Structures are given as C-alpha cells and as structure tokens.
C-alpha atoms as a PDB file:
ATOM      1  CA  UNK A   1      40.121 -19.409 -13.296  1.00  0.00           C
ATOM      2  CA  UNK A   2      41.784 -16.759 -15.390  1.00  0.00           C
ATOM      3  CA  UNK A   3      41.471 -13.092 -14.618  1.00  0.00           C
ATOM      4  CA  UNK A   4      39.391 -12.612 -17.788  1.00  0.00           C
ATOM      5  CA  UNK A   5      36.791 -15.266 -16.846  1.00  0.00           C
ATOM      6  CA  UNK A   6      36.723 -14.024 -13.227  1.00  0.00           C
ATOM      7  CA  UNK A   7      36.100 -10.466 -14.433  1.00  0.00           C
ATOM      8  CA  UNK A   8      33.342 -11.656 -16.805  1.00  0.00           C
ATOM      9  CA  UNK A   9      31.662 -13.566 -13.961  1.00  0.00           C
ATOM     10  CA  UNK A  10      31.893 -10.554 -11.678  1.00  0.00           C
ATOM     11  CA  UNK A  11      30.465  -8.282 -14.375  1.00  0.00           C
ATOM     12  CA  UNK A  12      27.564 -10.724 -14.937  1.00  0.00           C
ATOM     13  CA  UNK A  13      26.820 -10.825 -11.215  1.00  0.00           C
ATOM     14  CA  UNK A  14      26.781  -7.012 -10.992  1.00  0.00           C
ATOM     15  CA  UNK A  15      24.478  -6.786 -14.031  1.00  0.00           C
ATOM     16  CA  UNK A  16      22.105  -9.331 -12.466  1.00  0.00           C
ATOM     17  CA  UNK A  17      22.100  -7.433  -9.179  1.00  0.00           C
ATOM     18  CA  UNK A  18      21.252  -4.178 -10.984  1.00  0.00           C
ATOM     19  CA  UNK A  19      18.446  -5.888 -12.881  1.00  0.00           C
ATOM     20  CA  UNK A  20      16.942  -7.366  -9.731  1.00  0.00           C
ATOM     21  CA  UNK A  21      17.141  -4.095  -7.799  1.00  0.00           C
ATOM     22  CA  UNK A  22      15.539  -2.110 -10.623  1.00  0.00           C
ATOM     23  CA  UNK A  23      12.596  -4.549 -10.630  1.00  0.00           C
ATOM     24  CA  UNK A  24      12.068  -4.121  -6.882  1.00  0.00           C
ATOM     25  CA  UNK A  25       8.746  -3.682  -5.149  1.00  0.00           C
ATOM     26  CA  UNK A  26       6.970  -0.441  -4.374  1.00  0.00           C
ATOM     27  CA  UNK A  27       7.121  -1.224  -0.642  1.00  0.00           C
ATOM     28  CA  UNK A  28       7.980   1.925   1.255  1.00  0.00           C
ATOM     29  CA  UNK A  29       7.089   4.200  -1.655  1.00  0.00           C
ATOM     30  CA  UNK A  30       4.506   6.772  -0.552  1.00  0.00           C
ATOM     31  CA  UNK A  31       3.580   9.203  -3.277  1.00  0.00           C
ATOM     32  CA  UNK A  32       1.356  12.281  -3.028  1.00  0.00           C
ATOM     33  CA  UNK A  33      -2.166  12.294  -1.652  1.00  0.00           C
ATOM     34  CA  UNK A  34      -3.570  12.588  -5.179  1.00  0.00           C
ATOM     35  CA  UNK A  35      -2.567   8.932  -5.687  1.00  0.00           C
ATOM     36  CA  UNK A  36      -5.086   8.110  -2.956  1.00  0.00           C
ATOM     37  CA  UNK A  37      -8.043   9.772  -4.688  1.00  0.00           C
ATOM     38  CA  UNK A  38      -6.990  10.224  -8.326  1.00  0.00           C
ATOM     39  CA  UNK A  39      -8.512  13.234 -10.089  1.00  0.00           C
ATOM     40  CA  UNK A  40     -11.498  13.462  -7.712  1.00  0.00           C
ATOM     41  CA  UNK A  41     -12.378   9.988  -6.362  1.00  0.00           C
ATOM     42  CA  UNK A  42     -10.722   6.591  -6.555  1.00  0.00           C
ATOM     43  CA  UNK A  43     -11.957   3.124  -5.613  1.00  0.00           C
ATOM     44  CA  UNK A  44      -9.650   0.552  -4.020  1.00  0.00           C
ATOM     45  CA  UNK A  45     -10.339  -3.177  -3.618  1.00  0.00           C
ATOM     46  CA  UNK A  46      -8.728  -5.750  -1.352  1.00  0.00           C
ATOM     47  CA  UNK A  47      -5.732  -7.540  -2.821  1.00  0.00           C
ATOM     48  CA  UNK A  48      -4.573  -9.473   0.262  1.00  0.00           C
ATOM     49  CA  UNK A  49      -4.150  -9.265   4.025  1.00  0.00           C
ATOM     50  CA  UNK A  50      -1.507 -10.368   6.499  1.00  0.00           C
ATOM     51  CA  UNK A  51      -1.722 -10.685  10.258  1.00  0.00           C
ATOM     52  CA  UNK A  52       0.655  -9.076  12.752  1.00  0.00           C
ATOM     53  CA  UNK A  53       3.122 -11.957  12.301  1.00  0.00           C
ATOM     54  CA  UNK A  54       3.172 -11.399   8.531  1.00  0.00           C
ATOM     55  CA  UNK A  55       1.205 -14.552   7.732  1.00  0.00           C
ATOM     56  CA  UNK A  56      -1.323 -14.358   4.909  1.00  0.00           C
ATOM     57  CA  UNK A  57      -4.931 -14.146   6.118  1.00  0.00           C
ATOM     58  CA  UNK A  58      -7.502 -16.270   4.309  1.00  0.00           C
ATOM     59  CA  UNK A  59     -10.108 -13.849   3.047  1.00  0.00           C
ATOM     60  CA  UNK A  60     -13.831 -14.428   3.113  1.00  0.00           C
ATOM     61  CA  UNK A  61     -15.941 -13.540   0.087  1.00  0.00           C
ATOM     62  CA  UNK A  62     -16.895 -10.284   1.828  1.00  0.00           C
ATOM     63  CA  UNK A  63     -13.218  -9.451   2.425  1.00  0.00           C
ATOM     64  CA  UNK A  64     -12.358 -10.156  -1.207  1.00  0.00           C
ATOM     65  CA  UNK A  65     -15.168  -7.891  -2.389  1.00  0.00           C
ATOM     66  CA  UNK A  66     -14.401  -5.058   0.026  1.00  0.00           C
ATOM     67  CA  UNK A  67     -14.162  -1.702  -1.685  1.00  0.00           C
ATOM     68  CA  UNK A  68     -13.315   1.726  -0.340  1.00  0.00           C
ATOM     69  CA  UNK A  69     -13.346   5.000  -2.240  1.00  0.00           C
ATOM     70  CA  UNK A  70     -11.366   8.052  -1.223  1.00  0.00           C
ATOM     71  CA  UNK A  71     -12.474  11.453  -2.514  1.00  0.00           C
ATOM     72  CA  UNK A  72     -10.468  14.642  -2.915  1.00  0.00           C
ATOM     73  CA  UNK A  73     -12.772  16.436  -0.435  1.00  0.00           C
ATOM     74  CA  UNK A  74     -11.446  14.322   2.483  1.00  0.00           C
ATOM     75  CA  UNK A  75     -14.283  11.795   2.620  1.00  0.00           C
ATOM     76  CA  UNK A  76     -14.326   8.042   2.130  1.00  0.00           C
ATOM     77  CA  UNK A  77     -17.094   5.558   1.415  1.00  0.00           C
ATOM     78  CA  UNK A  78     -17.368   1.795   1.456  1.00  0.00           C
ATOM     79  CA  UNK A  79     -18.683  -0.533   4.141  1.00  0.00           C
ATOM     80  CA  UNK A  80     -18.449   2.614   6.283  1.00  0.00           C
ATOM     81  CA  UNK A  81     -18.374   6.262   5.273  1.00  0.00           C
ATOM     82  CA  UNK A  82     -16.582   9.100   6.960  1.00  0.00           C
ATOM     83  CA  UNK A  83     -13.752  11.591   6.789  1.00  0.00           C
ATOM     84  CA  UNK A  84     -10.033  10.976   6.408  1.00  0.00           C
ATOM     85  CA  UNK A  85      -6.845  12.973   6.865  1.00  0.00           C
ATOM     86  CA  UNK A  86      -3.706  11.937   4.994  1.00  0.00           C
ATOM     87  CA  UNK A  87      -0.380  13.061   6.498  1.00  0.00           C
ATOM     88  CA  UNK A  88       2.273  12.495   3.867  1.00  0.00           C
ATOM     89  CA  UNK A  89       5.189  13.495   6.112  1.00  0.00           C
ATOM     90  CA  UNK A  90       4.140  11.008   8.800  1.00  0.00           C
ATOM     91  CA  UNK A  91       2.917   8.491   6.166  1.00  0.00           C
ATOM     92  CA  UNK A  92      -0.409   7.996   7.956  1.00  0.00           C
ATOM     93  CA  UNK A  93      -4.094   8.155   7.135  1.00  0.00           C
ATOM     94  CA  UNK A  94      -6.576   8.799   9.934  1.00  0.00           C
ATOM     95  CA  UNK A  95     -10.143   7.703   9.278  1.00  0.00           C
ATOM     96  CA  UNK A  96     -13.166   8.799  11.293  1.00  0.00           C
ATOM     97  CA  UNK A  97     -16.481   7.072  10.507  1.00  0.00           C
ATOM     98  CA  UNK A  98     -19.576   9.271  10.228  1.00  0.00           C
ATOM     99  CA  UNK A  99     -21.285   9.673  13.599  1.00  0.00           C
ATOM    100  CA  UNK A 100     -18.248   8.488  15.547  1.00  0.00           C
ATOM    101  CA  UNK A 101     -15.906  10.408  17.813  1.00  0.00           C
ATOM    102  CA  UNK A 102     -13.325   7.635  17.519  1.00  0.00           C
ATOM    103  CA  UNK A 103     -10.819   7.540  14.671  1.00  0.00           C
ATOM    104  CA  UNK A 104      -8.362   4.914  13.466  1.00  0.00           C
ATOM    105  CA  UNK A 105      -4.892   5.797  12.234  1.00  0.00           C
ATOM    106  CA  UNK A 106      -3.044   3.547   9.818  1.00  0.00           C
ATOM    107  CA  UNK A 107       0.552   3.731   8.648  1.00  0.00           C
ATOM    108  CA  UNK A 108       0.740   3.994   4.879  1.00  0.00           C
ATOM    109  CA  UNK A 109       3.477   1.589   3.830  1.00  0.00           C
ATOM    110  CA  UNK A 110       2.873   1.926   0.077  1.00  0.00           C
ATOM    111  CA  UNK A 111       0.907   4.446  -1.951  1.00  0.00           C
ATOM    112  CA  UNK A 112       1.270   4.504  -5.709  1.00  0.00           C
ATOM    113  CA  UNK A 113      -1.209   4.938  -8.527  1.00  0.00           C
ATOM    114  CA  UNK A 114      -2.105   1.237  -8.341  1.00  0.00           C
ATOM    115  CA  UNK A 115      -1.168   0.009  -4.821  1.00  0.00           C
ATOM    116  CA  UNK A 116      -2.095   1.008  -1.289  1.00  0.00           C
ATOM    117  CA  UNK A 117      -0.857  -0.828   1.813  1.00  0.00           C
ATOM    118  CA  UNK A 118      -2.268   0.147   5.195  1.00  0.00           C
ATOM    119  CA  UNK A 119      -0.690  -1.114   8.422  1.00  0.00           C
ATOM    120  CA  UNK A 120      -2.726  -1.225  11.622  1.00  0.00           C
ATOM    121  CA  UNK A 121      -1.399  -0.639  15.124  1.00  0.00           C
ATOM    122  CA  UNK A 122      -1.058  -4.419  15.609  1.00  0.00           C
ATOM    123  CA  UNK A 123       1.144  -4.713  12.521  1.00  0.00           C
ATOM    124  CA  UNK A 124      -1.558  -6.384  10.425  1.00  0.00           C
ATOM    125  CA  UNK A 125      -1.536  -5.211   6.807  1.00  0.00           C
ATOM    126  CA  UNK A 126      -4.249  -4.628   4.259  1.00  0.00           C
ATOM    127  CA  UNK A 127      -3.021  -4.485   0.676  1.00  0.00           C
ATOM    128  CA  UNK A 128      -5.360  -2.792  -1.769  1.00  0.00           C
ATOM    129  CA  UNK A 129      -5.218  -2.319  -5.506  1.00  0.00           C
ATOM    130  CA  UNK A 130      -6.831   0.403  -7.585  1.00  0.00           C
ATOM    131  CA  UNK A 131     -10.098  -0.686  -9.122  1.00  0.00           C
END
C-alpha cells in the first residue's frame, strides 16, 4: 500500500469517526430544569424500560400509556400527584406523592427537550419522551 492510499484510508477513517461521534446519543446530557416542565407544564410518556441488568422490560398496555406531567411550580401529576424537587448539580429528581411522608429519588441520566431518562436505586431505567 502506498503512502498516498494509506493516508487516504486513514483520513476516511477519521472522517467516519467524527461523523459517528457527532451523531451520538443524548445519554448523560442533563439540561436545565425548564426542559422538565417546558414553559409552565410538560407531559411525558413512556418510551421504554430496562431492568437493573439493562434488559428491556416488556411493557403492559398501562405502562405504554403512562403519562406524567411536571409543572413549573414543583408539582407533578399522572397516576399519582405530588411535589418534586429537581437538583441539577446532583442530577436527581425527588418525588413525594400527595399525602405521603415517603419520597423517591431518581438519578436523571438524560434530560433534553424531548427525552427524559430516570434511573431508580436498583439501576432500572424508565425512558420517557415528550408528548
């Protein structure tokens, strides 16, 4: 292989690598809290779920139709309603259902205008998409 063809191959490989990396996922991208609730309230619907091992969970009809709305006033509504606190620095959201003294904290793996991924303490993930 001549130096010229080797260099062309190397240049093609670098270009392909740049293309693939620029098309990467949003995983790990956590934008501001306003992405969670939009201008005042935003509805999210289930996209998919994985268990703690990372295996896809088969969703029931109820799971597929699950919807949760976050509002700018720190409340949420869906199958349950309550209050939430989003900690951008820690990348967590803590949700406390109405009438309950117990809260659940989820790691926020992804938060963009169209995607939200919540990770439970077991490692199970719930991927949501903006409605």
